[in-house]
């Protein structure tokens, strides 16, 4: 994500809005190409954040 997209994402408060935003980013990256690794990297980042929140 770009810095502008990260700021937009952080401004979204509802979980549904965040899920939809991530899907828009995925679709954008599919159209642009060369970003096949991004969904897996984002999922790993979310897992790490969730683990930190539990400890």
N, C-alpha and C. Protein backbone atom coordinates (compact mmCIF):
# COMPACT_ATOMS: atom_id res chain seq x y z
N UNK A 1 0.84 -1.18 0.00
CA UNK A 1 0.00 0.00 0.00
C UNK A 1 0.88 1.24 0.00
N UNK A 2 0.36 2.26 -0.58
CA UNK A 2 1.06 3.54 -0.53
C UNK A 2 0.79 4.21 0.80
N UNK A 3 1.55 5.23 1.11
CA UNK A 3 1.34 5.95 2.37
C UNK A 3 -0.07 6.55 2.41
N UNK A 4 -0.53 7.09 1.29
CA UNK A 4 -1.87 7.66 1.25
C UNK A 4 -2.93 6.60 1.52
N UNK A 5 -2.74 5.41 0.96
CA UNK A 5 -3.69 4.33 1.19
C UNK A 5 -3.64 3.87 2.65
N UNK A 6 -2.47 3.86 3.25
CA UNK A 6 -2.35 3.49 4.66
C UNK A 6 -3.10 4.49 5.54
N UNK A 7 -2.98 5.77 5.22
CA UNK A 7 -3.70 6.79 6.00
C UNK A 7 -5.20 6.61 5.87
N UNK A 8 -5.66 6.33 4.65
CA UNK A 8 -7.09 6.08 4.45
C UNK A 8 -7.55 4.86 5.25
N UNK A 9 -6.76 3.79 5.20
CA UNK A 9 -7.10 2.57 5.92
C UNK A 9 -7.20 2.84 7.42
N UNK A 10 -6.25 3.58 7.96
CA UNK A 10 -6.26 3.88 9.39
C UNK A 10 -7.44 4.75 9.78
N UNK A 11 -7.99 5.50 8.85
CA UNK A 11 -9.15 6.32 9.13
C UNK A 11 -10.45 5.55 9.15
N UNK A 12 -10.45 4.34 8.62
CA UNK A 12 -11.66 3.51 8.61
C UNK A 12 -11.83 2.86 9.97
N UNK A 13 -12.98 3.01 10.55
CA UNK A 13 -13.20 2.48 11.89
C UNK A 13 -13.98 1.17 11.90
N UNK A 14 -14.82 0.95 10.92
CA UNK A 14 -15.62 -0.27 10.90
C UNK A 14 -14.87 -1.40 10.21
N UNK A 15 -14.97 -2.57 10.78
CA UNK A 15 -14.28 -3.74 10.25
C UNK A 15 -14.72 -4.03 8.81
N UNK A 16 -15.98 -3.86 8.51
CA UNK A 16 -16.50 -4.12 7.17
C UNK A 16 -15.84 -3.18 6.16
N UNK A 17 -15.69 -1.93 6.53
CA UNK A 17 -15.05 -0.97 5.64
C UNK A 17 -13.59 -1.34 5.38
N UNK A 18 -12.91 -1.80 6.42
CA UNK A 18 -11.50 -2.18 6.27
C UNK A 18 -11.36 -3.40 5.36
N UNK A 19 -12.24 -4.38 5.51
CA UNK A 19 -12.20 -5.58 4.67
C UNK A 19 -12.44 -5.19 3.22
N UNK A 20 -13.42 -4.34 2.97
CA UNK A 20 -13.70 -3.90 1.61
C UNK A 20 -12.53 -3.11 1.03
N UNK A 21 -11.89 -2.28 1.83
CA UNK A 21 -10.76 -1.49 1.37
C UNK A 21 -9.60 -2.40 0.97
N UNK A 22 -9.32 -3.42 1.78
CA UNK A 22 -8.24 -4.36 1.45
C UNK A 22 -8.56 -5.08 0.15
N UNK A 23 -9.82 -5.43 -0.07
CA UNK A 23 -10.20 -6.09 -1.32
C UNK A 23 -9.98 -5.15 -2.51
N UNK A 24 -10.27 -3.89 -2.35
CA UNK A 24 -10.02 -2.91 -3.42
C UNK A 24 -8.53 -2.86 -3.73
N UNK A 25 -7.70 -2.85 -2.70
CA UNK A 25 -6.25 -2.82 -2.89
C UNK A 25 -5.79 -4.08 -3.62
N UNK A 26 -6.32 -5.23 -3.23
CA UNK A 26 -5.95 -6.48 -3.90
C UNK A 26 -6.32 -6.44 -5.38
N UNK A 27 -7.51 -5.97 -5.68
CA UNK A 27 -7.94 -5.89 -7.07
C UNK A 27 -7.06 -4.93 -7.86
N UNK A 28 -6.72 -3.81 -7.25
CA UNK A 28 -5.85 -2.84 -7.90
C UNK A 28 -4.49 -3.47 -8.22
N UNK A 29 -3.96 -4.21 -7.28
CA UNK A 29 -2.65 -4.81 -7.48
C UNK A 29 -2.70 -5.95 -8.50
N UNK A 30 -3.82 -6.66 -8.57
CA UNK A 30 -3.97 -7.68 -9.60
C UNK A 30 -3.93 -7.05 -10.99
N UNK A 31 -4.61 -5.92 -11.15
CA UNK A 31 -4.62 -5.23 -12.44
C UNK A 31 -3.24 -4.69 -12.79
N UNK A 32 -2.50 -4.22 -11.80
CA UNK A 32 -1.19 -3.65 -12.04
C UNK A 32 -0.15 -4.73 -12.29
N UNK A 33 -0.35 -5.91 -11.71
CA UNK A 33 0.61 -7.00 -11.86
C UNK A 33 1.79 -6.84 -10.91
N UNK A 34 2.63 -7.87 -10.86
CA UNK A 34 3.86 -7.90 -10.06
C UNK A 34 3.63 -7.84 -8.55
N UNK A 35 2.43 -8.01 -8.08
CA UNK A 35 2.18 -7.92 -6.63
C UNK A 35 1.55 -9.20 -6.10
N UNK A 36 1.90 -10.34 -6.67
CA UNK A 36 1.32 -11.61 -6.26
C UNK A 36 1.64 -11.95 -4.81
N UNK A 37 2.75 -11.46 -4.31
CA UNK A 37 3.19 -11.77 -2.96
C UNK A 37 2.42 -10.98 -1.89
N UNK A 38 1.76 -9.91 -2.27
CA UNK A 38 1.20 -9.00 -1.29
C UNK A 38 0.12 -9.63 -0.39
N UNK A 39 -0.86 -10.37 -0.92
CA UNK A 39 -1.88 -10.93 -0.01
C UNK A 39 -1.28 -11.80 1.09
N UNK A 40 -0.32 -12.64 0.74
CA UNK A 40 0.30 -13.51 1.75
C UNK A 40 1.09 -12.68 2.77
N UNK A 41 1.79 -11.68 2.31
CA UNK A 41 2.56 -10.82 3.22
C UNK A 41 1.63 -10.05 4.15
N UNK A 42 0.50 -9.58 3.63
CA UNK A 42 -0.46 -8.84 4.46
C UNK A 42 -1.09 -9.75 5.51
N UNK A 43 -1.43 -10.97 5.12
CA UNK A 43 -2.00 -11.93 6.07
C UNK A 43 -1.01 -12.23 7.19
N UNK A 44 0.27 -12.40 6.84
CA UNK A 44 1.30 -12.66 7.85
C UNK A 44 1.42 -11.48 8.81
N UNK A 45 1.36 -10.29 8.26
CA UNK A 45 1.44 -9.08 9.10
C UNK A 45 0.27 -9.04 10.08
N UNK A 46 -0.91 -9.36 9.60
CA UNK A 46 -2.10 -9.36 10.47
C UNK A 46 -1.98 -10.41 11.56
N UNK A 47 -1.46 -11.60 11.21
CA UNK A 47 -1.27 -12.65 12.21
C UNK A 47 -0.29 -12.21 13.29
N UNK A 48 0.83 -11.59 12.88
CA UNK A 48 1.82 -11.11 13.87
C UNK A 48 1.21 -10.06 14.78
N UNK A 49 0.43 -9.17 14.22
CA UNK A 49 -0.20 -8.13 15.03
C UNK A 49 -1.18 -8.74 16.02
N UNK A 50 -1.93 -9.74 15.59
CA UNK A 50 -2.88 -10.40 16.48
C UNK A 50 -2.15 -11.13 17.60
N UNK A 51 -1.03 -11.76 17.28
CA UNK A 51 -0.24 -12.45 18.32
C UNK A 51 0.32 -11.49 19.33
N UNK A 52 0.79 -10.33 18.86
CA UNK A 52 1.29 -9.32 19.79
C UNK A 52 0.19 -8.81 20.71
N UNK A 53 -1.02 -8.72 20.18
CA UNK A 53 -2.14 -8.27 20.97
C UNK A 53 -2.56 -9.24 22.05
N UNK A 54 -2.28 -10.52 21.83
CA UNK A 54 -2.66 -11.55 22.80
C UNK A 54 -1.66 -11.66 23.93
N UNK A 55 -0.40 -11.28 23.71
CA UNK A 55 0.61 -11.47 24.76
C UNK A 55 0.60 -10.38 25.78
